Protein backbone atom coordinates (compact mmCIF):
# COMPACT_ATOMS: atom_id res chain seq x y z
CA MET A 1 106.55 103.40 96.44
CA SER A 2 106.94 106.18 98.38
CA GLY A 3 103.06 106.88 99.04
CA TRP A 4 101.69 103.36 99.93
CA ASP A 5 102.93 100.17 101.50
CA ARG A 6 103.74 96.48 100.08
CA ASP A 7 100.47 95.52 101.10
CA ALA A 8 98.62 98.30 100.02
CA ILE A 9 100.50 98.06 96.10
CA ASP A 10 99.80 93.94 95.82
CA LEU A 11 96.35 94.52 96.55
CA VAL A 12 94.40 92.97 94.05
CA GLU A 13 97.31 92.14 91.42
CA PRO A 14 101.19 92.14 92.21
CA GLY A 15 101.87 95.99 91.92
CA PHE A 16 104.02 96.48 87.55
CA ILE A 17 104.44 98.47 85.10
CA GLU A 18 104.49 97.99 81.18
CA PHE A 19 106.22 100.26 78.61
CA ALA A 20 106.28 99.21 74.56
CA GLY A 21 107.44 99.16 72.07
CA ASP A 22 104.99 101.54 70.29
CA ARG A 23 104.63 104.18 72.71
CA THR A 24 102.10 102.80 74.38
CA GLY A 25 102.32 100.53 77.82
CA GLN A 26 100.14 100.47 81.60
CA PHE A 27 100.09 99.49 85.10
CA GLY A 28 98.76 98.95 88.63
CA PHE A 29 99.03 99.09 91.68
CA ILE A 30 96.27 98.94 94.59
CA ALA A 31 93.14 99.44 92.58
CA VAL A 32 94.05 101.76 90.21
CA ASN A 33 95.19 100.99 86.76
CA GLY A 34 96.16 102.74 83.61
CA TRP A 35 96.96 103.09 80.49
CA LEU A 36 100.56 105.08 79.31
CA ASP A 37 101.18 107.49 76.00
CA CYS A 38 104.82 107.64 76.49
CA ARG A 39 107.64 109.79 74.74
CA PRO A 40 111.37 108.94 75.09
CA ALA A 41 113.34 111.39 77.07
CA ASP A 42 116.39 112.18 78.93
CA ARG A 43 116.95 113.21 82.14
CA ASP A 44 119.41 114.28 84.03
CA GLY A 45 121.61 112.33 81.55
CA ARG A 46 119.66 109.66 81.34
CA PRO A 47 117.94 107.66 79.24
CA GLY A 48 113.98 107.53 79.91
CA VAL A 49 110.81 108.16 79.54
CA GLU A 50 108.04 110.85 79.47
CA PHE A 51 104.02 110.08 79.84
CA THR A 52 100.82 111.05 80.15
CA TRP A 53 98.43 108.60 81.41
CA GLU A 54 94.28 107.30 81.87
CA GLY A 55 92.78 104.46 83.86
CA ALA A 56 90.64 103.65 86.65
CA ASP A 57 90.60 104.07 90.30
CA GLU A 58 87.60 101.52 92.03
CA GLY A 59 85.96 102.27 88.90
CA ASP A 60 86.59 106.50 89.09
CA GLN A 61 88.09 107.53 85.92
CA ILE A 62 91.60 109.17 86.80
CA SER A 63 94.75 110.77 85.01
CA GLY A 64 97.94 112.03 85.17
CA ARG A 65 101.43 112.15 84.14
CA GLY A 66 105.46 110.74 85.01
CA TRP A 67 108.30 110.42 83.46
CA ALA A 68 110.19 106.97 84.32
CA VAL A 69 114.74 106.16 84.26
CA TRP A 70 117.16 103.84 83.39
CA VAL A 71 119.60 103.44 87.16
CA ASP A 72 121.03 100.06 86.01
CA ASP A 73 120.60 97.26 83.12
CA GLU A 74 117.60 96.15 85.22
CA THR A 75 115.88 98.81 87.74
CA ILE A 76 114.00 102.30 86.75
CA GLU A 77 113.47 104.97 89.13
CA ARG A 78 109.75 106.61 88.38
CA HIS A 79 107.31 109.39 89.50
CA LEU A 80 103.81 109.29 88.94
CA PHE A 81 101.79 111.73 88.73
CA PHE A 82 97.91 111.84 90.26
CA HIS A 83 95.46 114.67 88.89
CA PRO A 84 94.60 116.81 91.35
CA GLY A 85 96.15 115.01 93.67
CA ASP A 86 98.38 112.23 94.61
CA ASP A 87 102.35 111.57 93.70
CA SER A 88 104.31 108.85 94.15
CA SER A 89 108.23 107.47 93.36
CA PHE A 90 109.26 103.82 92.97
CA ARG A 91 112.28 101.88 91.43
CA ALA A 92 110.68 98.28 89.97
CA GLU A 93 113.26 96.20 88.30
CA PRO A 94 111.99 92.99 86.02
CA PHE A 95 109.28 90.66 86.49
CA THR A 96 110.39 86.46 86.48
CA GLY A 97 108.44 83.22 87.15
CA ALA A 98 110.84 82.86 89.49
CA ASP A 99 108.98 85.89 91.67
CA GLU A 100 105.38 84.38 91.16
CA LEU A 101 107.44 81.10 93.02
CA ASP A 102 109.09 83.23 95.72
CA GLY A 103 105.94 84.96 96.69
CA GLN A 104 107.46 88.34 95.35
C-alpha cells in the first residue's frame, strides 16, 4: 500500500481483500475492515471491478469507494478511497497456506 508501511498494514491481522462471485467482498488492514458492493468494469482495457464500501476503523463507521484491475493472472492493482479522507494504491496477490508458514 502506498499510504502505509507493511507493519501498519498487518497490525491487527494480515492485510487482505476478497472478491466474491455474488458482487460482494471484504477487506481488512490496520484496524480497518470493510464490506464491498462490486460492479464489473474495464479500466484502461483491463478487466476489473469498481466498488463502494462501508466498514469500521477502530469502531468508527467509515465508507468509501475504489477499483481494482488484473495486472496478470495472479496480481491485482487497486486504489481505495475513504470518504472524506485518505486514499492509497496497492498491489495484491493470492494468499496461500505457504504464506502463513513464511510469516508473510
